[in-house]
Amino acid sequence: MPLSPSTLLQLHTDIRQTRVSDEGIILRQEDGEILVVNEVAIRFVELIDGNRNLDELTDILLQEYKVDRSTLADDLAEYASELISHNVLSITAS
């Protein structure tokens, strides 16, 4: 599912996340699935609030991590699509 820079995302209501050292843990309470993710991935999830679009999330992460904008934008869109398929995220109607 291709996402655009203006796509708004939100976490499903049964999702909980936390940091452990330099990794993150995402828990889907409904089915008990646990995802272990890297530092950038958990920061991305922490920033998702249903009000920021992918472009805004990219801007925030560019201030925190040294990475090429195009690479980051592509990686975030791909990761967001993966999280949508795992029922962690959904697209918010704008």
N, C-alpha and C. Protein backbone atom coordinates (compact mmCIF):
# COMPACT_ATOMS: atom_id res chain seq x y z
N MET A 1 0.85 -1.18 0.00
CA MET A 1 0.00 0.00 0.00
C MET A 1 0.89 1.24 0.00
N PRO A 2 0.95 1.96 -1.11
CA PRO A 2 1.78 3.17 -1.16
C PRO A 2 1.16 4.28 -0.33
N LEU A 3 1.98 4.92 0.47
CA LEU A 3 1.52 6.02 1.31
C LEU A 3 2.12 7.31 0.77
N SER A 4 1.39 8.39 0.90
CA SER A 4 1.88 9.69 0.44
C SER A 4 2.44 10.48 1.62
N PRO A 5 3.20 11.53 1.34
CA PRO A 5 3.73 12.36 2.42
C PRO A 5 2.63 12.98 3.29
N SER A 6 1.43 13.13 2.75
CA SER A 6 0.34 13.75 3.51
C SER A 6 -0.50 12.74 4.30
N THR A 7 -0.14 11.47 4.24
CA THR A 7 -0.89 10.44 4.96
C THR A 7 -0.78 10.64 6.48
N LEU A 8 -1.94 10.66 7.14
CA LEU A 8 -2.00 10.74 8.60
C LEU A 8 -2.14 9.34 9.16
N LEU A 9 -1.38 9.04 10.21
CA LEU A 9 -1.40 7.72 10.82
C LEU A 9 -1.79 7.81 12.28
N GLN A 10 -2.38 6.74 12.78
CA GLN A 10 -2.65 6.65 14.21
C GLN A 10 -2.42 5.22 14.67
N LEU A 11 -2.10 5.09 15.95
CA LEU A 11 -1.93 3.77 16.54
C LEU A 11 -3.29 3.17 16.83
N HIS A 12 -3.40 1.86 16.67
CA HIS A 12 -4.61 1.17 17.10
C HIS A 12 -4.71 1.32 18.62
N THR A 13 -5.91 1.29 19.13
CA THR A 13 -6.13 1.54 20.57
C THR A 13 -5.54 0.47 21.47
N ASP A 14 -5.29 -0.73 20.95
CA ASP A 14 -4.74 -1.80 21.80
C ASP A 14 -3.21 -1.84 21.80
N ILE A 15 -2.57 -0.84 21.19
CA ILE A 15 -1.11 -0.82 21.07
C ILE A 15 -0.49 -0.13 22.27
N ARG A 16 0.54 -0.75 22.80
CA ARG A 16 1.36 -0.15 23.85
C ARG A 16 2.80 -0.26 23.40
N GLN A 17 3.61 0.74 23.73
CA GLN A 17 5.01 0.69 23.35
C GLN A 17 5.86 1.22 24.50
N THR A 18 7.10 0.76 24.51
CA THR A 18 8.07 1.21 25.51
C THR A 18 9.46 1.06 24.95
N ARG A 19 10.39 1.73 25.59
CA ARG A 19 11.81 1.61 25.23
C ARG A 19 12.50 0.72 26.25
N VAL A 20 13.41 -0.08 25.76
CA VAL A 20 14.28 -0.88 26.61
C VAL A 20 15.68 -0.74 26.03
N SER A 21 16.53 -0.02 26.74
CA SER A 21 17.88 0.25 26.28
C SER A 21 17.80 0.98 24.94
N ASP A 22 18.44 0.45 23.89
CA ASP A 22 18.42 1.12 22.59
C ASP A 22 17.44 0.46 21.62
N GLU A 23 16.47 -0.26 22.16
CA GLU A 23 15.43 -0.89 21.33
C GLU A 23 14.06 -0.48 21.85
N GLY A 24 13.06 -0.82 21.09
CA GLY A 24 11.69 -0.56 21.51
C GLY A 24 10.88 -1.84 21.44
N ILE A 25 9.84 -1.87 22.24
CA ILE A 25 8.92 -3.01 22.23
C ILE A 25 7.53 -2.47 21.94
N ILE A 26 6.88 -3.07 20.96
CA ILE A 26 5.51 -2.72 20.61
C ILE A 26 4.65 -3.93 20.92
N LEU A 27 3.65 -3.73 21.73
CA LEU A 27 2.75 -4.82 22.14
C LEU A 27 1.37 -4.61 21.56
N ARG A 28 0.87 -5.62 20.88
CA ARG A 28 -0.52 -5.63 20.43
C ARG A 28 -1.30 -6.42 21.48
N GLN A 29 -1.98 -5.71 22.37
CA GLN A 29 -2.65 -6.34 23.49
C GLN A 29 -3.74 -7.32 23.06
N GLU A 30 -4.43 -7.02 21.98
CA GLU A 30 -5.54 -7.87 21.56
C GLU A 30 -5.13 -9.31 21.31
N ASP A 31 -3.96 -9.50 20.70
CA ASP A 31 -3.54 -10.87 20.41
C ASP A 31 -2.20 -11.25 21.06
N GLY A 32 -1.63 -10.34 21.85
CA GLY A 32 -0.40 -10.65 22.57
C GLY A 32 0.85 -10.65 21.72
N GLU A 33 0.77 -10.14 20.51
CA GLU A 33 1.94 -10.10 19.64
C GLU A 33 2.91 -9.01 20.11
N ILE A 34 4.18 -9.34 20.14
CA ILE A 34 5.22 -8.39 20.54
C ILE A 34 6.18 -8.19 19.38
N LEU A 35 6.46 -6.93 19.07
CA LEU A 35 7.44 -6.59 18.05
C LEU A 35 8.60 -5.89 18.73
N VAL A 36 9.81 -6.33 18.46
CA VAL A 36 11.00 -5.67 18.97
C VAL A 36 11.59 -4.88 17.80
N VAL A 37 11.79 -3.58 18.03
CA VAL A 37 12.22 -2.69 16.94
C VAL A 37 13.43 -1.87 17.37
N ASN A 38 14.10 -1.28 16.40
CA ASN A 38 15.28 -0.48 16.70
C ASN A 38 14.88 0.91 17.22
N GLU A 39 15.89 1.68 17.59
CA GLU A 39 15.68 3.00 18.20
C GLU A 39 14.90 3.96 17.30
N VAL A 40 15.22 4.00 16.02
CA VAL A 40 14.54 4.90 15.10
C VAL A 40 13.09 4.48 14.93
N ALA A 41 12.85 3.19 14.83
CA ALA A 41 11.48 2.68 14.65
C ALA A 41 10.60 3.01 15.86
N ILE A 42 11.12 2.85 17.07
CA ILE A 42 10.29 3.15 18.24
C ILE A 42 10.07 4.66 18.35
N ARG A 43 11.05 5.45 17.97
CA ARG A 43 10.86 6.91 17.99
C ARG A 43 9.77 7.30 17.01
N PHE A 44 9.76 6.70 15.84
CA PHE A 44 8.72 6.94 14.84
C PHE A 44 7.35 6.63 15.43
N VAL A 45 7.22 5.48 16.06
CA VAL A 45 5.94 5.08 16.66
C VAL A 45 5.54 6.04 17.78
N GLU A 46 6.49 6.47 18.58
CA GLU A 46 6.20 7.41 19.66
C GLU A 46 5.63 8.72 19.14
N LEU A 47 6.04 9.13 17.96
CA LEU A 47 5.60 10.40 17.39
C LEU A 47 4.23 10.35 16.71
N ILE A 48 3.76 9.17 16.44
CA ILE A 48 2.47 9.03 15.74
C ILE A 48 1.33 9.39 16.68
N ASP A 49 0.57 10.42 16.30
CA ASP A 49 -0.50 10.90 17.16
C ASP A 49 -1.82 11.13 16.43
N GLY A 50 -1.87 10.77 15.16
CA GLY A 50 -3.09 10.98 14.39
C GLY A 50 -3.22 12.39 13.84
N ASN A 51 -2.29 13.27 14.20
CA ASN A 51 -2.34 14.66 13.74
C ASN A 51 -1.18 15.04 12.82
N ARG A 52 -0.09 14.28 12.89
CA ARG A 52 1.08 14.56 12.05
C ARG A 52 1.07 13.61 10.84
N ASN A 53 1.37 14.18 9.68
CA ASN A 53 1.44 13.33 8.49
C ASN A 53 2.86 12.80 8.34
N LEU A 54 3.05 11.93 7.38
CA LEU A 54 4.37 11.31 7.17
C LEU A 54 5.46 12.35 6.91
N ASP A 55 5.12 13.40 6.19
CA ASP A 55 6.10 14.45 5.90
C ASP A 55 6.53 15.15 7.19
N GLU A 56 5.61 15.44 8.08
CA GLU A 56 5.93 16.08 9.35
C GLU A 56 6.75 15.14 10.25
N LEU A 57 6.40 13.87 10.25
CA LEU A 57 7.17 12.90 11.03
C LEU A 57 8.59 12.79 10.50
N THR A 58 8.73 12.83 9.19
CA THR A 58 10.06 12.81 8.57
C THR A 58 10.87 14.03 9.01
N ASP A 59 10.25 15.21 9.01
CA ASP A 59 10.94 16.43 9.43
C ASP A 59 11.46 16.33 10.86
N ILE A 60 10.64 15.80 11.75
CA ILE A 60 11.04 15.66 13.16
C ILE A 60 12.23 14.72 13.28
N LEU A 61 12.13 13.57 12.62
CA LEU A 61 13.21 12.59 12.71
C LEU A 61 14.50 13.07 12.04
N LEU A 62 14.38 13.91 11.02
CA LEU A 62 15.57 14.47 10.38
C LEU A 62 16.35 15.36 11.35
N GLN A 63 15.66 15.98 12.28
CA GLN A 63 16.32 16.82 13.29
C GLN A 63 17.04 15.97 14.34
N GLU A 64 16.61 14.73 14.49
CA GLU A 64 17.16 13.86 15.53
C GLU A 64 18.21 12.87 15.03
N TYR A 65 18.16 12.54 13.75
CA TYR A 65 19.07 11.54 13.19
C TYR A 65 19.72 12.08 11.93
N LYS A 66 20.97 11.72 11.71
CA LYS A 66 21.70 12.16 10.52
C LYS A 66 21.47 11.14 9.42
N VAL A 67 20.57 11.51 8.53
CA VAL A 67 20.21 10.61 7.43
C VAL A 67 19.69 11.47 6.27
N ASP A 68 19.80 10.95 5.08
CA ASP A 68 19.30 11.62 3.89
C ASP A 68 17.77 11.67 3.92
N ARG A 69 17.18 12.82 3.60
CA ARG A 69 15.73 13.00 3.66
C ARG A 69 14.99 11.98 2.79
N SER A 70 15.43 11.81 1.58
CA SER A 70 14.76 10.89 0.66
C SER A 70 14.78 9.46 1.19
N THR A 71 15.93 9.05 1.69
CA THR A 71 16.06 7.70 2.25
C THR A 71 15.13 7.53 3.45
N LEU A 72 15.14 8.51 4.34
CA LEU A 72 14.30 8.43 5.53
C LEU A 72 12.82 8.40 5.16
N ALA A 73 12.40 9.27 4.25
CA ALA A 73 10.99 9.31 3.84
C ALA A 73 10.56 7.98 3.24
N ASP A 74 11.40 7.40 2.40
CA ASP A 74 11.07 6.11 1.79
C ASP A 74 11.00 5.01 2.85
N ASP A 75 11.98 5.01 3.76
CA ASP A 75 12.01 3.99 4.81
C ASP A 75 10.80 4.10 5.74
N LEU A 76 10.41 5.33 6.11
CA LEU A 76 9.26 5.52 6.99
C LEU A 76 7.97 5.07 6.31
N ALA A 77 7.81 5.38 5.04
CA ALA A 77 6.61 4.95 4.32
C ALA A 77 6.54 3.43 4.24
N GLU A 78 7.68 2.80 3.98
CA GLU A 78 7.72 1.33 3.92
C GLU A 78 7.42 0.72 5.29
N TYR A 79 8.03 1.29 6.33
CA TYR A 79 7.81 0.78 7.69
C TYR A 79 6.36 1.01 8.13
N ALA A 80 5.81 2.16 7.81
CA ALA A 80 4.41 2.43 8.15
C ALA A 80 3.49 1.42 7.46
N SER A 81 3.76 1.11 6.21
CA SER A 81 2.95 0.11 5.49
C SER A 81 3.04 -1.24 6.18
N GLU A 82 4.24 -1.59 6.64
CA GLU A 82 4.42 -2.86 7.35
C GLU A 82 3.62 -2.87 8.66
N LEU A 83 3.67 -1.75 9.39
CA LEU A 83 2.92 -1.67 10.65
C LEU A 83 1.41 -1.68 10.42
N ILE A 84 0.97 -1.13 9.30
CA ILE A 84 -0.45 -1.19 8.94
C ILE A 84 -0.85 -2.65 8.71
N SER A 85 0.00 -3.39 8.01
CA SER A 85 -0.32 -4.80 7.72
C SER A 85 -0.31 -5.66 8.98
N HIS A 86 0.41 -5.21 10.02
CA HIS A 86 0.45 -5.92 11.31
C HIS A 86 -0.59 -5.39 12.30
N ASN A 87 -1.48 -4.53 11.81
CA ASN A 87 -2.55 -3.95 12.64
C ASN A 87 -2.02 -3.15 13.83
N VAL A 88 -0.87 -2.52 13.64
CA VAL A 88 -0.33 -1.62 14.67
C VAL A 88 -0.80 -0.20 14.38
N LEU A 89 -0.81 0.18 13.10
CA LEU A 89 -1.23 1.50 12.66
C LEU A 89 -2.43 1.41 11.76
N SER A 90 -3.12 2.55 11.67
CA SER A 90 -4.17 2.71 10.67
C SER A 90 -4.06 4.11 10.09
N ILE A 91 -4.62 4.29 8.92
CA ILE A 91 -4.62 5.59 8.27
C ILE A 91 -5.78 6.40 8.83
N THR A 92 -5.50 7.63 9.22
CA THR A 92 -6.51 8.53 9.76
C THR A 92 -7.15 9.30 8.63
N ALA A 93 -8.45 9.37 8.63
CA ALA A 93 -9.14 10.18 7.63
C ALA A 93 -8.86 11.65 7.92
N SER A 94 -8.47 12.37 6.88
CA SER A 94 -8.14 13.79 7.09
C SER A 94 -9.33 14.68 6.86
